[in-house]
């Protein structure tokens, strides 16, 4: 196995591992939407609940923060294999976000007590954790690749001979 393939694989596996851990964190801190159990099935107990939006928000914060962390660490650690690590950030970020969604919606961690203005005698249960805005799935790979590219661009600009096309600038008097 070449070093480039190994750098890609290590990056993807590291981000996938972080994705599983992030799913547990997401499941632990995100509030659940309250549902009423009726004869017709389960219905949203409180239509004005913000829990559905909070699940999307917490997902974006957790995966976006991990994207920034991974992009910065990858740029500082992988100076020799830039392209494989960059591709690994993209693929691993997508895999990590999907694992975060799967683990967070499969395993219930934390308090699942819900409160809602329900009719007396009607059972209120916590709903499953899910995303309503699927666009937040790209926050991890987008921020990881974006920060990596930004850092590389700043480094390339600083080291570029085009920065001073006529030689070194004159010394200030």
C-alpha atoms as a PDB file:
ATOM      1  CA  UNK A   1       0.000   0.000   0.000  1.00  0.00           C
ATOM      2  CA  UNK A   2       1.465   3.351  -0.967  1.00  0.00           C
ATOM      3  CA  UNK A   3       1.853   6.174   1.486  1.00  0.00           C
ATOM      4  CA  UNK A   4      -0.774   8.276  -0.268  1.00  0.00           C
ATOM      5  CA  UNK A   5      -3.416   5.560   0.009  1.00  0.00           C
ATOM      6  CA  UNK A   6      -2.470   5.014   3.642  1.00  0.00           C
ATOM      7  CA  UNK A   7      -2.807   8.752   4.394  1.00  0.00           C
ATOM      8  CA  UNK A   8      -6.256   8.761   2.746  1.00  0.00           C
ATOM      9  CA  UNK A   9      -7.396   5.648   4.632  1.00  0.00           C
ATOM     10  CA  UNK A  10      -6.146   6.865   8.007  1.00  0.00           C
ATOM     11  CA  UNK A  11      -7.913  10.198   7.512  1.00  0.00           C
ATOM     12  CA  UNK A  12     -11.212   8.546   6.574  1.00  0.00           C
ATOM     13  CA  UNK A  13     -11.055   6.057   9.457  1.00  0.00           C
ATOM     14  CA  UNK A  14     -10.175   8.759  11.997  1.00  0.00           C
ATOM     15  CA  UNK A  15     -13.113  10.889  10.911  1.00  0.00           C
ATOM     16  CA  UNK A  16     -15.459   7.892  10.921  1.00  0.00           C
ATOM     17  CA  UNK A  17     -14.440   7.121  14.498  1.00  0.00           C
ATOM     18  CA  UNK A  18     -15.094  10.721  15.465  1.00  0.00           C
ATOM     19  CA  UNK A  19     -18.470  10.458  13.740  1.00  0.00           C
ATOM     20  CA  UNK A  20     -19.558   7.568  15.943  1.00  0.00           C
ATOM     21  CA  UNK A  21     -18.539   9.480  19.066  1.00  0.00           C
ATOM     22  CA  UNK A  22     -20.261  12.631  17.790  1.00  0.00           C
ATOM     23  CA  UNK A  23     -23.477  10.656  17.330  1.00  0.00           C
ATOM     24  CA  UNK A  24     -23.459   9.720  21.004  1.00  0.00           C
ATOM     25  CA  UNK A  25     -22.854  13.345  21.982  1.00  0.00           C
ATOM     26  CA  UNK A  26     -25.648  14.510  19.664  1.00  0.00           C
ATOM     27  CA  UNK A  27     -28.021  11.958  21.166  1.00  0.00           C
ATOM     28  CA  UNK A  28     -27.097  13.001  24.686  1.00  0.00           C
ATOM     29  CA  UNK A  29     -27.598  16.756  24.420  1.00  0.00           C
ATOM     30  CA  UNK A  30     -30.412  17.144  21.906  1.00  0.00           C
ATOM     31  CA  UNK A  31     -33.970  17.556  23.231  1.00  0.00           C
ATOM     32  CA  UNK A  32     -36.627  15.205  21.900  1.00  0.00           C
ATOM     33  CA  UNK A  33     -39.902  16.367  20.407  1.00  0.00           C
ATOM     34  CA  UNK A  34     -42.993  15.311  22.379  1.00  0.00           C
ATOM     35  CA  UNK A  35     -45.538  13.033  20.684  1.00  0.00           C
ATOM     36  CA  UNK A  36     -48.996  11.937  21.826  1.00  0.00           C
ATOM     37  CA  UNK A  37     -50.078   8.349  21.438  1.00  0.00           C
ATOM     38  CA  UNK A  38     -53.575   8.337  19.939  1.00  0.00           C
ATOM     39  CA  UNK A  39     -55.823   5.798  18.253  1.00  0.00           C
ATOM     40  CA  UNK A  40     -54.584   7.011  14.856  1.00  0.00           C
ATOM     41  CA  UNK A  41     -50.914   6.641  15.878  1.00  0.00           C
ATOM     42  CA  UNK A  42     -48.435   9.134  17.225  1.00  0.00           C
ATOM     43  CA  UNK A  43     -48.894  12.823  16.520  1.00  0.00           C
ATOM     44  CA  UNK A  44     -46.820  15.823  17.509  1.00  0.00           C
ATOM     45  CA  UNK A  45     -48.051  16.838  20.964  1.00  0.00           C
ATOM     46  CA  UNK A  46     -46.896  20.432  20.809  1.00  0.00           C
ATOM     47  CA  UNK A  47     -46.960  21.897  17.275  1.00  0.00           C
ATOM     48  CA  UNK A  48     -45.009  24.964  18.455  1.00  0.00           C
ATOM     49  CA  UNK A  49     -42.090  22.902  19.760  1.00  0.00           C
ATOM     50  CA  UNK A  50     -38.586  23.981  18.882  1.00  0.00           C
ATOM     51  CA  UNK A  51     -37.136  20.499  19.479  1.00  0.00           C
ATOM     52  CA  UNK A  52     -37.182  19.609  15.779  1.00  0.00           C
ATOM     53  CA  UNK A  53     -35.139  22.690  14.924  1.00  0.00           C
ATOM     54  CA  UNK A  54     -32.854  22.129  17.914  1.00  0.00           C
ATOM     55  CA  UNK A  55     -31.916  18.676  16.618  1.00  0.00           C
ATOM     56  CA  UNK A  56     -30.757  20.211  13.332  1.00  0.00           C
ATOM     57  CA  UNK A  57     -28.938  23.014  15.135  1.00  0.00           C
ATOM     58  CA  UNK A  58     -27.082  20.754  17.530  1.00  0.00           C
ATOM     59  CA  UNK A  59     -26.129  18.457  14.671  1.00  0.00           C
ATOM     60  CA  UNK A  60     -24.712  21.402  12.707  1.00  0.00           C
ATOM     61  CA  UNK A  61     -22.806  22.741  15.722  1.00  0.00           C
ATOM     62  CA  UNK A  62     -21.271  19.381  16.620  1.00  0.00           C
ATOM     63  CA  UNK A  63     -20.340  18.301  13.098  1.00  0.00           C
ATOM     64  CA  UNK A  64     -19.290  21.804  12.051  1.00  0.00           C
ATOM     65  CA  UNK A  65     -17.008  22.119  15.059  1.00  0.00           C
ATOM     66  CA  UNK A  66     -15.486  18.741  14.278  1.00  0.00           C
ATOM     67  CA  UNK A  67     -15.041  19.823  10.658  1.00  0.00           C
ATOM     68  CA  UNK A  68     -13.058  22.891  11.725  1.00  0.00           C
ATOM     69  CA  UNK A  69     -10.993  20.838  14.162  1.00  0.00           C
ATOM     70  CA  UNK A  70     -10.261  18.120  11.605  1.00  0.00           C
ATOM     71  CA  UNK A  71      -9.403  20.605   8.860  1.00  0.00           C
ATOM     72  CA  UNK A  72      -6.924  22.448  11.081  1.00  0.00           C
ATOM     73  CA  UNK A  73      -5.297  19.317  12.472  1.00  0.00           C
ATOM     74  CA  UNK A  74      -5.061  17.739   9.023  1.00  0.00           C
ATOM     75  CA  UNK A  75      -3.362  20.786   7.540  1.00  0.00           C
ATOM     76  CA  UNK A  76      -0.771  20.959  10.320  1.00  0.00           C
ATOM     77  CA  UNK A  77      -0.145  17.191  10.394  1.00  0.00           C
ATOM     78  CA  UNK A  78      -0.108  16.286   6.699  1.00  0.00           C
ATOM     79  CA  UNK A  79       2.389  18.571   5.053  1.00  0.00           C
ATOM     80  CA  UNK A  80       3.758  15.808   2.779  1.00  0.00           C
ATOM     81  CA  UNK A  81       0.505  14.254   1.517  1.00  0.00           C
ATOM     82  CA  UNK A  82      -1.813  17.182   0.952  1.00  0.00           C
ATOM     83  CA  UNK A  83      -4.074  15.806  -1.783  1.00  0.00           C
ATOM     84  CA  UNK A  84      -4.774  12.383  -0.191  1.00  0.00           C
ATOM     85  CA  UNK A  85      -5.510  14.007   3.153  1.00  0.00           C
ATOM     86  CA  UNK A  86      -7.758  16.614   1.520  1.00  0.00           C
ATOM     87  CA  UNK A  87      -9.700  13.878  -0.277  1.00  0.00           C
ATOM     88  CA  UNK A  88      -9.814  11.938   3.001  1.00  0.00           C
ATOM     89  CA  UNK A  89     -11.282  14.994   4.744  1.00  0.00           C
ATOM     90  CA  UNK A  90     -14.035  15.149   2.148  1.00  0.00           C
ATOM     91  CA  UNK A  91     -14.879  11.430   2.139  1.00  0.00           C
ATOM     92  CA  UNK A  92     -14.315  11.030   5.879  1.00  0.00           C
ATOM     93  CA  UNK A  93     -16.418  14.096   6.638  1.00  0.00           C
ATOM     94  CA  UNK A  94     -19.328  12.678   4.673  1.00  0.00           C
ATOM     95  CA  UNK A  95     -18.918   9.271   6.332  1.00  0.00           C
ATOM     96  CA  UNK A  96     -18.521  10.885   9.762  1.00  0.00           C
ATOM     97  CA  UNK A  97     -21.696  12.944   9.306  1.00  0.00           C
ATOM     98  CA  UNK A  98     -23.656   9.894   8.181  1.00  0.00           C
ATOM     99  CA  UNK A  99     -22.363   7.890  11.165  1.00  0.00           C
ATOM    100  CA  UNK A 100     -23.250  10.762  13.491  1.00  0.00           C
ATOM    101  CA  UNK A 101     -26.800  10.714  12.138  1.00  0.00           C
ATOM    102  CA  UNK A 102     -27.112   6.928  12.371  1.00  0.00           C
ATOM    103  CA  UNK A 103     -25.601   6.548  15.854  1.00  0.00           C
ATOM    104  CA  UNK A 104     -27.466   9.555  17.231  1.00  0.00           C
ATOM    105  CA  UNK A 105     -30.828   8.387  15.919  1.00  0.00           C
ATOM    106  CA  UNK A 106     -30.275   4.736  16.851  1.00  0.00           C
ATOM    107  CA  UNK A 107     -28.955   5.009  20.407  1.00  0.00           C
ATOM    108  CA  UNK A 108     -30.769   7.056  23.033  1.00  0.00           C
ATOM    109  CA  UNK A 109     -28.499   8.694  25.580  1.00  0.00           C
ATOM    110  CA  UNK A 110     -29.430  11.273  28.162  1.00  0.00           C
ATOM    111  CA  UNK A 111     -32.779  12.308  29.540  1.00  0.00           C
ATOM    112  CA  UNK A 112     -35.743  11.580  27.314  1.00  0.00           C
ATOM    113  CA  UNK A 113     -38.359  13.173  29.536  1.00  0.00           C
ATOM    114  CA  UNK A 114     -40.684  15.360  27.530  1.00  0.00           C
ATOM    115  CA  UNK A 115     -43.191  17.961  28.526  1.00  0.00           C
ATOM    116  CA  UNK A 116     -46.133  19.061  26.457  1.00  0.00           C
ATOM    117  CA  UNK A 117     -49.558  20.561  26.900  1.00  0.00           C
ATOM    118  CA  UNK A 118     -51.429  17.304  26.374  1.00  0.00           C
ATOM    119  CA  UNK A 119     -54.959  16.358  27.149  1.00  0.00           C
ATOM    120  CA  UNK A 120     -55.217  14.664  30.557  1.00  0.00           C
ATOM    121  CA  UNK A 121     -55.083  10.898  30.210  1.00  0.00           C
ATOM    122  CA  UNK A 122     -53.192  10.984  26.895  1.00  0.00           C
ATOM    123  CA  UNK A 123     -49.748   9.449  26.987  1.00  0.00           C
ATOM    124  CA  UNK A 124     -46.882  11.709  25.872  1.00  0.00           C
ATOM    125  CA  UNK A 125     -43.702  10.006  24.668  1.00  0.00           C
ATOM    126  CA  UNK A 126     -40.392  11.348  23.345  1.00  0.00           C
ATOM    127  CA  UNK A 127     -39.971  11.198  19.595  1.00  0.00           C
ATOM    128  CA  UNK A 128     -37.090   9.715  17.690  1.00  0.00           C
ATOM    129  CA  UNK A 129     -34.114  11.946  17.005  1.00  0.00           C
ATOM    130  CA  UNK A 130     -33.937  12.829  13.323  1.00  0.00           C
ATOM    131  CA  UNK A 131     -32.916  15.624  10.996  1.00  0.00           C
ATOM    132  CA  UNK A 132     -35.505  17.769   9.285  1.00  0.00           C
ATOM    133  CA  UNK A 133     -32.940  19.834   7.342  1.00  0.00           C
ATOM    134  CA  UNK A 134     -30.746  17.387   5.457  1.00  0.00           C
ATOM    135  CA  UNK A 135     -28.431  20.194   4.353  1.00  0.00           C
ATOM    136  CA  UNK A 136     -26.650  20.125   7.710  1.00  0.00           C
ATOM    137  CA  UNK A 137     -25.102  16.802   6.680  1.00  0.00           C
ATOM    138  CA  UNK A 138     -22.519  18.697   4.635  1.00  0.00           C
ATOM    139  CA  UNK A 139     -21.358  20.972   7.457  1.00  0.00           C
ATOM    140  CA  UNK A 140     -18.544  18.599   8.495  1.00  0.00           C
ATOM    141  CA  UNK A 141     -16.910  18.009   5.090  1.00  0.00           C
ATOM    142  CA  UNK A 142     -17.567  21.569   3.919  1.00  0.00           C
ATOM    143  CA  UNK A 143     -15.929  23.233   6.916  1.00  0.00           C
ATOM    144  CA  UNK A 144     -13.062  20.719   7.051  1.00  0.00           C
ATOM    145  CA  UNK A 145     -12.148  21.151   3.387  1.00  0.00           C
ATOM    146  CA  UNK A 146     -12.805  24.898   3.544  1.00  0.00           C
ATOM    147  CA  UNK A 147     -10.471  25.483   6.482  1.00  0.00           C
ATOM    148  CA  UNK A 148      -7.837  23.204   4.964  1.00  0.00           C
ATOM    149  CA  UNK A 149      -7.977  25.168   1.705  1.00  0.00           C
ATOM    150  CA  UNK A 150      -7.926  28.507   3.515  1.00  0.00           C
ATOM    151  CA  UNK A 151      -4.835  27.548   5.532  1.00  0.00           C
ATOM    152  CA  UNK A 152      -3.084  26.225   2.446  1.00  0.00           C
ATOM    153  CA  UNK A 153      -3.963  29.368   0.511  1.00  0.00           C
ATOM    154  CA  UNK A 154      -2.606  31.625   3.244  1.00  0.00           C
ATOM    155  CA  UNK A 155       0.564  29.555   3.489  1.00  0.00           C
ATOM    156  CA  UNK A 156       0.982  29.532  -0.283  1.00  0.00           C
ATOM    157  CA  UNK A 157       0.501  33.297  -0.464  1.00  0.00           C
ATOM    158  CA  UNK A 158       3.052  33.932   2.259  1.00  0.00           C
ATOM    159  CA  UNK A 159       5.639  31.728   0.550  1.00  0.00           C
ATOM    160  CA  UNK A 160       4.853  32.846  -3.004  1.00  0.00           C
ATOM    161  CA  UNK A 161       7.443  34.751  -5.036  1.00  0.00           C
ATOM    162  CA  UNK A 162       4.507  36.541  -6.690  1.00  0.00           C
ATOM    163  CA  UNK A 163       3.905  38.363  -3.433  1.00  0.00           C
ATOM    164  CA  UNK A 164       6.929  40.551  -4.258  1.00  0.00           C
ATOM    165  CA  UNK A 165       7.182  40.528  -8.061  1.00  0.00           C
ATOM    166  CA  UNK A 166      10.050  43.039  -8.127  1.00  0.00           C
ATOM    167  CA  UNK A 167      12.198  41.461  -5.443  1.00  0.00           C
ATOM    168  CA  UNK A 168      12.248  42.304  -1.780  1.00  0.00           C
ATOM    169  CA  UNK A 169      10.461  45.516  -0.797  1.00  0.00           C
ATOM    170  CA  UNK A 170      12.713  48.429   0.133  1.00  0.00           C
ATOM    171  CA  UNK A 171      13.598  48.762   3.774  1.00  0.00           C
ATOM    172  CA  UNK A 172      11.581  51.411   5.638  1.00  0.00           C
ATOM    173  CA  UNK A 173      13.574  54.480   6.552  1.00  0.00           C
END
